[in-house]
C-alpha atoms as a PDB file:
ATOM      1  CA  MET A   1      74.756  29.507 -26.416  1.00  0.00           C
ATOM      2  CA  THR A   2      75.471  28.164 -29.861  1.00  0.00           C
ATOM      3  CA  GLY A   3      75.910  31.501 -31.581  1.00  0.00           C
ATOM      4  CA  ASP A   4      75.682  35.262 -31.421  1.00  0.00           C
ATOM      5  CA  PRO A   5      72.370  36.866 -30.443  1.00  0.00           C
ATOM      6  CA  HIS A   6      69.935  36.604 -33.358  1.00  0.00           C
ATOM      7  CA  ILE A   7      67.335  39.378 -33.204  1.00  0.00           C
ATOM      8  CA  SER A   8      64.037  38.444 -34.839  1.00  0.00           C
ATOM      9  CA  ALA A   9      61.541  41.277 -35.321  1.00  0.00           C
ATOM     10  CA  SER A  10      57.952  40.343 -34.506  1.00  0.00           C
ATOM     11  CA  ILE A  11      55.662  42.461 -36.676  1.00  0.00           C
ATOM     12  CA  LEU A  12      52.696  41.754 -34.386  1.00  0.00           C
ATOM     13  CA  ASN A  13      53.498  45.069 -32.709  1.00  0.00           C
ATOM     14  CA  ALA A  14      54.195  46.947 -35.915  1.00  0.00           C
ATOM     15  CA  ASP A  15      51.874  49.415 -37.634  1.00  0.00           C
ATOM     16  CA  PHE A  16      49.553  47.141 -39.614  1.00  0.00           C
ATOM     17  CA  GLY A  17      48.614  50.067 -41.817  1.00  0.00           C
ATOM     18  CA  GLN A  18      52.094  50.018 -43.341  1.00  0.00           C
ATOM     19  CA  LEU A  19      53.457  46.545 -42.743  1.00  0.00           C
ATOM     20  CA  GLY A  20      55.758  46.555 -45.754  1.00  0.00           C
ATOM     21  CA  ALA A  21      57.453  49.721 -44.535  1.00  0.00           C
ATOM     22  CA  GLU A  22      57.679  48.299 -41.010  1.00  0.00           C
ATOM     23  CA  VAL A  23      59.390  45.154 -42.291  1.00  0.00           C
ATOM     24  CA  ARG A  24      61.852  47.321 -44.225  1.00  0.00           C
ATOM     25  CA  ARG A  25      62.457  49.443 -41.132  1.00  0.00           C
ATOM     26  CA  ALA A  26      63.405  46.350 -39.131  1.00  0.00           C
ATOM     27  CA  SER A  27      65.551  45.041 -41.965  1.00  0.00           C
ATOM     28  CA  ASP A  28      67.356  48.367 -42.351  1.00  0.00           C
ATOM     29  CA  GLY A  29      67.853  48.428 -38.580  1.00  0.00           C
ATOM     30  CA  GLY A  30      69.909  45.250 -38.689  1.00  0.00           C
ATOM     31  CA  VAL A  31      67.613  42.492 -37.416  1.00  0.00           C
ATOM     32  CA  ASP A  32      68.397  38.941 -38.493  1.00  0.00           C
ATOM     33  CA  SER A  33      64.916  37.688 -39.379  1.00  0.00           C
ATOM     34  CA  ILE A  34      61.237  38.627 -39.468  1.00  0.00           C
ATOM     35  CA  HIS A  35      58.835  36.809 -37.146  1.00  0.00           C
ATOM     36  CA  LEU A  36      55.229  36.546 -38.327  1.00  0.00           C
ATOM     37  CA  ASP A  37      52.689  35.638 -35.644  1.00  0.00           C
ATOM     38  CA  VAL A  38      49.782  33.715 -37.157  1.00  0.00           C
ATOM     39  CA  MET A  39      46.730  33.281 -34.908  1.00  0.00           C
ATOM     40  CA  ASP A  40      43.454  31.596 -35.758  1.00  0.00           C
ATOM     41  CA  GLY A  41      41.102  32.768 -33.001  1.00  0.00           C
ATOM     42  CA  HIS A  42      40.825  29.158 -31.803  1.00  0.00           C
ATOM     43  CA  PHE A  43      44.219  27.947 -30.623  1.00  0.00           C
ATOM     44  CA  VAL A  44      44.638  31.431 -29.166  1.00  0.00           C
ATOM     45  CA  ASP A  45      42.054  34.125 -28.496  1.00  0.00           C
ATOM     46  CA  ASN A  46      43.135  36.452 -31.264  1.00  0.00           C
ATOM     47  CA  LEU A  47      43.133  36.727 -35.051  1.00  0.00           C
ATOM     48  CA  THR A  48      46.103  38.171 -36.888  1.00  0.00           C
ATOM     49  CA  MET A  49      47.411  37.382 -40.350  1.00  0.00           C
ATOM     50  CA  GLY A  50      47.123  34.731 -43.016  1.00  0.00           C
ATOM     51  CA  PRO A  51      49.266  33.622 -45.954  1.00  0.00           C
ATOM     52  CA  VAL A  52      48.127  36.601 -48.050  1.00  0.00           C
ATOM     53  CA  VAL A  53      49.758  38.997 -45.561  1.00  0.00           C
ATOM     54  CA  VAL A  54      52.983  36.999 -45.545  1.00  0.00           C
ATOM     55  CA  ALA A  55      53.042  37.102 -49.345  1.00  0.00           C
ATOM     56  CA  ALA A  56      52.291  40.835 -49.374  1.00  0.00           C
ATOM     57  CA  VAL A  57      55.281  41.759 -47.187  1.00  0.00           C
ATOM     58  CA  ARG A  58      57.683  39.172 -48.607  1.00  0.00           C
ATOM     59  CA  PRO A  59      59.076  41.589 -51.240  1.00  0.00           C
ATOM     60  CA  ALA A  60      60.024  44.087 -48.505  1.00  0.00           C
ATOM     61  CA  THR A  61      63.192  42.212 -47.474  1.00  0.00           C
ATOM     62  CA  ASP A  62      65.465  39.305 -48.272  1.00  0.00           C
ATOM     63  CA  LEU A  63      65.696  38.353 -44.591  1.00  0.00           C
ATOM     64  CA  PRO A  64      64.407  34.939 -43.500  1.00  0.00           C
ATOM     65  CA  PHE A  65      60.709  34.796 -42.632  1.00  0.00           C
ATOM     66  CA  HIS A  66      59.742  32.762 -39.569  1.00  0.00           C
ATOM     67  CA  SER A  67      56.001  32.040 -39.730  1.00  0.00           C
ATOM     68  CA  HIS A  68      54.835  31.097 -36.235  1.00  0.00           C
ATOM     69  CA  LEU A  69      51.583  29.152 -36.589  1.00  0.00           C
ATOM     70  CA  MET A  70      49.595  29.554 -33.383  1.00  0.00           C
ATOM     71  CA  ILE A  71      46.759  27.583 -34.921  1.00  0.00           C
ATOM     72  CA  SER A  72      44.929  24.370 -34.083  1.00  0.00           C
ATOM     73  CA  ASN A  73      45.386  22.610 -37.441  1.00  0.00           C
ATOM     74  CA  PRO A  74      48.760  23.541 -38.933  1.00  0.00           C
ATOM     75  CA  LEU A  75      48.614  20.669 -41.435  1.00  0.00           C
ATOM     76  CA  ALA A  76      45.867  22.466 -43.330  1.00  0.00           C
ATOM     77  CA  TYR A  77      47.998  25.577 -43.800  1.00  0.00           C
ATOM     78  CA  VAL A  78      51.638  24.505 -44.061  1.00  0.00           C
ATOM     79  CA  GLU A  79      51.721  24.513 -47.840  1.00  0.00           C
ATOM     80  CA  ARG A  80      50.002  27.896 -48.056  1.00  0.00           C
ATOM     81  CA  PHE A  81      52.487  29.557 -45.746  1.00  0.00           C
ATOM     82  CA  ALA A  82      55.362  27.884 -47.564  1.00  0.00           C
ATOM     83  CA  ASP A  83      54.073  29.193 -50.889  1.00  0.00           C
ATOM     84  CA  ALA A  84      53.640  32.670 -49.369  1.00  0.00           C
ATOM     85  CA  GLY A  85      57.372  32.953 -48.738  1.00  0.00           C
ATOM     86  CA  SER A  86      58.037  31.493 -45.297  1.00  0.00           C
ATOM     87  CA  ASP A  87      61.520  30.069 -44.767  1.00  0.00           C
ATOM     88  CA  LEU A  88      60.895  28.513 -41.360  1.00  0.00           C
ATOM     89  CA  VAL A  89      57.422  27.268 -40.418  1.00  0.00           C
ATOM     90  CA  ILE A  90      56.954  26.929 -36.662  1.00  0.00           C
ATOM     91  CA  PHE A  91      54.027  24.987 -35.203  1.00  0.00           C
ATOM     92  CA  HIS A  92      52.983  24.260 -31.623  1.00  0.00           C
ATOM     93  CA  VAL A  93      53.412  20.876 -30.009  1.00  0.00           C
ATOM     94  CA  GLU A  94      50.037  21.560 -28.326  1.00  0.00           C
ATOM     95  CA  ALA A  95      48.208  21.797 -31.684  1.00  0.00           C
ATOM     96  CA  ASP A  96      45.679  19.146 -32.680  1.00  0.00           C
ATOM     97  CA  ASP A  97      47.743  17.631 -35.496  1.00  0.00           C
ATOM     98  CA  ASP A  98      50.391  14.973 -34.978  1.00  0.00           C
ATOM     99  CA  PRO A  99      53.800  16.708 -34.727  1.00  0.00           C
ATOM    100  CA  SER A 100      55.537  14.119 -36.897  1.00  0.00           C
ATOM    101  CA  GLU A 101      53.016  14.651 -39.675  1.00  0.00           C
ATOM    102  CA  VAL A 102      53.410  18.423 -39.462  1.00  0.00           C
ATOM    103  CA  ILE A 103      57.206  18.170 -39.636  1.00  0.00           C
ATOM    104  CA  GLU A 104      56.954  15.921 -42.681  1.00  0.00           C
ATOM    105  CA  ALA A 105      54.494  18.283 -44.377  1.00  0.00           C
ATOM    106  CA  ILE A 106      56.792  21.278 -43.835  1.00  0.00           C
ATOM    107  CA  GLU A 107      59.731  19.371 -45.265  1.00  0.00           C
ATOM    108  CA  ARG A 108      57.686  18.245 -48.275  1.00  0.00           C
ATOM    109  CA  ALA A 109      56.900  21.901 -48.892  1.00  0.00           C
ATOM    110  CA  GLY A 110      60.631  22.574 -49.069  1.00  0.00           C
ATOM    111  CA  LYS A 111      60.821  24.574 -45.841  1.00  0.00           C
ATOM    112  CA  ARG A 112      62.484  24.152 -42.459  1.00  0.00           C
ATOM    113  CA  PRO A 113      60.295  23.036 -39.525  1.00  0.00           C
ATOM    114  CA  GLY A 114      60.299  24.604 -36.090  1.00  0.00           C
ATOM    115  CA  ILE A 115      58.433  23.481 -32.986  1.00  0.00           C
ATOM    116  CA  ALA A 116      57.126  25.703 -30.177  1.00  0.00           C
ATOM    117  CA  LEU A 117      55.840  25.038 -26.689  1.00  0.00           C
ATOM    118  CA  ASN A 118      53.797  27.178 -24.323  1.00  0.00           C
ATOM    119  CA  PRO A 119      54.835  28.224 -20.806  1.00  0.00           C
ATOM    120  CA  GLY A 120      52.582  25.620 -19.189  1.00  0.00           C
ATOM    121  CA  THR A 121      53.828  22.734 -21.330  1.00  0.00           C
ATOM    122  CA  GLY A 122      56.576  20.527 -19.932  1.00  0.00           C
ATOM    123  CA  ALA A 123      59.880  20.190 -21.752  1.00  0.00           C
ATOM    124  CA  GLU A 124      59.266  16.477 -22.258  1.00  0.00           C
ATOM    125  CA  ALA A 125      56.601  17.246 -24.880  1.00  0.00           C
ATOM    126  CA  VAL A 126      59.203  18.335 -27.447  1.00  0.00           C
ATOM    127  CA  LEU A 127      62.024  15.918 -26.607  1.00  0.00           C
ATOM    128  CA  PRO A 128      61.048  13.338 -29.281  1.00  0.00           C
ATOM    129  CA  TYR A 129      61.321  15.958 -32.027  1.00  0.00           C
ATOM    130  CA  LEU A 130      64.561  17.788 -31.253  1.00  0.00           C
ATOM    131  CA  GLU A 131      66.582  15.960 -33.919  1.00  0.00           C
ATOM    132  CA  ARG A 132      63.897  16.619 -36.528  1.00  0.00           C
ATOM    133  CA  VAL A 133      63.432  20.386 -36.371  1.00  0.00           C
ATOM    134  CA  ALA A 134      65.489  23.426 -37.316  1.00  0.00           C
ATOM    135  CA  MET A 135      64.480  25.546 -34.327  1.00  0.00           C
ATOM    136  CA  LEU A 136      62.925  25.100 -30.903  1.00  0.00           C
ATOM    137  CA  LEU A 137      60.826  28.083 -29.826  1.00  0.00           C
ATOM    138  CA  VAL A 138      60.166  28.444 -26.097  1.00  0.00           C
ATOM    139  CA  MET A 139      57.270  30.771 -25.334  1.00  0.00           C
ATOM    140  CA  THR A 140      57.959  33.153 -22.469  1.00  0.00           C
ATOM    141  CA  VAL A 141      54.380  34.475 -22.516  1.00  0.00           C
ATOM    142  CA  TYR A 142      51.080  32.741 -23.147  1.00  0.00           C
ATOM    143  CA  PRO A 143      50.516  33.270 -26.875  1.00  0.00           C
ATOM    144  CA  GLY A 144      47.797  35.493 -28.230  1.00  0.00           C
ATOM    145  CA  TRP A 145      48.736  39.098 -27.575  1.00  0.00           C
ATOM    146  CA  GLY A 146      51.813  41.273 -27.897  1.00  0.00           C
ATOM    147  CA  GLY A 147      53.168  43.405 -25.081  1.00  0.00           C
ATOM    148  CA  GLN A 148      52.870  40.822 -22.301  1.00  0.00           C
ATOM    149  CA  PRO A 149      55.503  40.627 -19.543  1.00  0.00           C
ATOM    150  CA  PHE A 150      58.244  37.996 -19.701  1.00  0.00           C
ATOM    151  CA  ILE A 151      57.459  34.939 -17.530  1.00  0.00           C
ATOM    152  CA  GLU A 152      60.686  34.400 -15.594  1.00  0.00           C
ATOM    153  CA  GLY A 153      59.581  30.961 -14.415  1.00  0.00           C
ATOM    154  CA  VAL A 154      60.116  29.624 -17.936  1.00  0.00           C
ATOM    155  CA  VAL A 155      63.869  30.285 -17.756  1.00  0.00           C
ATOM    156  CA  HIS A 156      64.453  27.053 -15.820  1.00  0.00           C
ATOM    157  CA  LYS A 157      62.748  25.034 -18.580  1.00  0.00           C
ATOM    158  CA  LEU A 158      64.749  26.925 -21.196  1.00  0.00           C
ATOM    159  CA  SER A 159      68.000  26.056 -19.411  1.00  0.00           C
ATOM    160  CA  ALA A 160      66.996  22.401 -19.122  1.00  0.00           C
ATOM    161  CA  LEU A 161      66.209  22.174 -22.829  1.00  0.00           C
ATOM    162  CA  ALA A 162      69.499  23.848 -23.721  1.00  0.00           C
ATOM    163  CA  ALA A 163      71.328  21.310 -21.557  1.00  0.00           C
ATOM    164  CA  GLU A 164      69.506  18.430 -23.238  1.00  0.00           C
ATOM    165  CA  ILE A 165      70.417  19.744 -26.688  1.00  0.00           C
ATOM    166  CA  ARG A 166      74.072  20.023 -25.654  1.00  0.00           C
ATOM    167  CA  HIS A 167      73.931  16.509 -24.207  1.00  0.00           C
ATOM    168  CA  ARG A 168      72.626  15.114 -27.500  1.00  0.00           C
ATOM    169  CA  GLY A 169      75.185  17.065 -29.502  1.00  0.00           C
ATOM    170  CA  ILE A 170      72.512  18.609 -31.727  1.00  0.00           C
ATOM    171  CA  ASP A 171      73.076  21.799 -33.677  1.00  0.00           C
ATOM    172  CA  LEU A 172      69.650  23.210 -32.793  1.00  0.00           C
ATOM    173  CA  PRO A 173      69.079  26.896 -32.034  1.00  0.00           C
ATOM    174  CA  ILE A 174      66.593  27.766 -29.311  1.00  0.00           C
ATOM    175  CA  GLY A 175      64.363  30.802 -29.649  1.00  0.00           C
ATOM    176  CA  VAL A 176      62.350  32.681 -27.067  1.00  0.00           C
ATOM    177  CA  ASP A 177      59.207  34.613 -27.832  1.00  0.00           C
ATOM    178  CA  GLY A 178      57.373  36.942 -25.490  1.00  0.00           C
ATOM    179  CA  GLY A 179      58.309  39.897 -23.339  1.00  0.00           C
ATOM    180  CA  VAL A 180      61.868  40.073 -24.715  1.00  0.00           C
ATOM    181  CA  SER A 181      63.251  43.519 -23.908  1.00  0.00           C
ATOM    182  CA  LEU A 182      66.405  45.225 -22.670  1.00  0.00           C
ATOM    183  CA  GLY A 183      65.583  44.026 -19.168  1.00  0.00           C
ATOM    184  CA  THR A 184      64.937  40.358 -20.028  1.00  0.00           C
ATOM    185  CA  ILE A 185      66.994  39.531 -23.100  1.00  0.00           C
ATOM    186  CA  GLY A 186      70.171  38.924 -21.083  1.00  0.00           C
ATOM    187  CA  GLN A 187      68.713  36.168 -18.929  1.00  0.00           C
ATOM    188  CA  ALA A 188      67.093  34.505 -21.943  1.00  0.00           C
ATOM    189  CA  TYR A 189      70.393  34.491 -23.867  1.00  0.00           C
ATOM    190  CA  ALA A 190      72.379  33.324 -20.836  1.00  0.00           C
ATOM    191  CA  ALA A 191      69.932  30.435 -20.363  1.00  0.00           C
ATOM    192  CA  GLY A 192      70.571  29.207 -23.900  1.00  0.00           C
ATOM    193  CA  ALA A 193      68.286  31.140 -26.232  1.00  0.00           C
ATOM    194  CA  GLU A 194      69.992  32.289 -29.405  1.00  0.00           C
ATOM    195  CA  VAL A 195      66.998  33.493 -31.465  1.00  0.00           C
ATOM    196  CA  LEU A 196      65.444  36.387 -29.566  1.00  0.00           C
ATOM    197  CA  VAL A 197      62.014  37.415 -30.833  1.00  0.00           C
ATOM    198  CA  THR A 198      61.102  40.966 -29.920  1.00  0.00           C
ATOM    199  CA  GLY A 199      58.167  43.119 -30.911  1.00  0.00           C
ATOM    200  CA  SER A 200      57.232  45.901 -28.505  1.00  0.00           C
ATOM    201  CA  ALA A 201      60.869  46.581 -27.611  1.00  0.00           C
ATOM    202  CA  LEU A 202      61.529  47.354 -31.275  1.00  0.00           C
ATOM    203  CA  TYR A 203      58.337  48.782 -32.661  1.00  0.00           C
ATOM    204  CA  GLY A 204      57.755  50.978 -29.635  1.00  0.00           C
ATOM    205  CA  THR A 205      60.564  53.073 -31.118  1.00  0.00           C
ATOM    206  CA  SER A 206      60.004  55.502 -33.970  1.00  0.00           C
ATOM    207  CA  GLY A 207      62.417  56.147 -36.808  1.00  0.00           C
ATOM    208  CA  ASP A 208      65.695  54.299 -37.227  1.00  0.00           C
ATOM    209  CA  LEU A 209      65.694  50.948 -35.411  1.00  0.00           C
ATOM    210  CA  ALA A 210      69.456  50.414 -35.603  1.00  0.00           C
ATOM    211  CA  PRO A 211      70.151  51.840 -32.107  1.00  0.00           C
ATOM    212  CA  ALA A 212      67.399  49.660 -30.623  1.00  0.00           C
ATOM    213  CA  VAL A 213      68.738  46.533 -32.321  1.00  0.00           C
ATOM    214  CA  ALA A 214      72.285  47.303 -31.194  1.00  0.00           C
ATOM    215  CA  GLY A 215      71.067  47.930 -27.658  1.00  0.00           C
ATOM    216  CA  LEU A 216      69.298  44.571 -27.569  1.00  0.00           C
ATOM    217  CA  ARG A 217      72.409  42.766 -28.805  1.00  0.00           C
ATOM    218  CA  ASP A 218      74.538  44.448 -26.149  1.00  0.00           C
ATOM    219  CA  ALA A 219      71.996  43.653 -23.421  1.00  0.00           C
ATOM    220  CA  ALA A 220      71.869  40.009 -24.525  1.00  0.00           C
ATOM    221  CA  ARG A 221      75.627  39.753 -24.083  1.00  0.00           C
ATOM    222  CA  GLY A 222      75.366  41.319 -20.632  1.00  0.00           C
ATOM    223  CA  ARG A 223      76.829  44.716 -21.497  1.00  0.00           C
ATOM    224  CA  THR A 224      75.913  46.983 -18.595  1.00  0.00           C
ATOM    225  CA  ASP A 225      76.424  50.072 -20.696  1.00  0.00           C
ATOM    226  CA  ALA A 226      73.736  49.107 -23.258  1.00  0.00           C
ATOM    227  CA  GLU A 227      71.579  52.137 -23.827  1.00  0.00           C
ATOM    228  CA  TRP A 228      68.321  52.718 -25.656  1.00  0.00           C
ATOM    229  CA  THR A 229      68.770  55.697 -27.938  1.00  0.00           C
END
């Protein structure tokens, strides 16, 4: 690991009828960033939010916004999501656009680029870009829907990528997205993931999210006494 567990709240599982309040609830609960899952109905079989939603909830917190573009043509939308208030713009190596061009477009927009890869994509697909991005996001579910179970078979790839990053001496945080809960966050963190994206495990809880966030941090560090309260 390169740092303490970073809890990123995915609002895909939040109440879309009051997204601003849900972002504030996560922020008040002590998360480190807000993760916004953008789906186009083409790259994945679901439609979620566009730049207007990102802009609408941006005033709810000063926390970093990670806009995760699960879309076929990220080049067409990078500037819009940057203007909407994204701090980190993550695109998929499997998208139709050339990754180098997407990285350059994100940087021209004044934002930090991140690159993601799906469970079925080999680690070699992202190796040429590790020195050029600000975060590597390893999907531990097939993207498209919240609430899916963590795919444990991806942990080996996660460990291999973490080892490669250490070997190159790069200061590059790895994130995991999908099925991150009290029962899975420890193995993800131990394998090298620092940014831990969680949706259902947070937003399945009503009221104050601080105990849930604290429980996830403890579970990531391997505390056996971590409790969900």
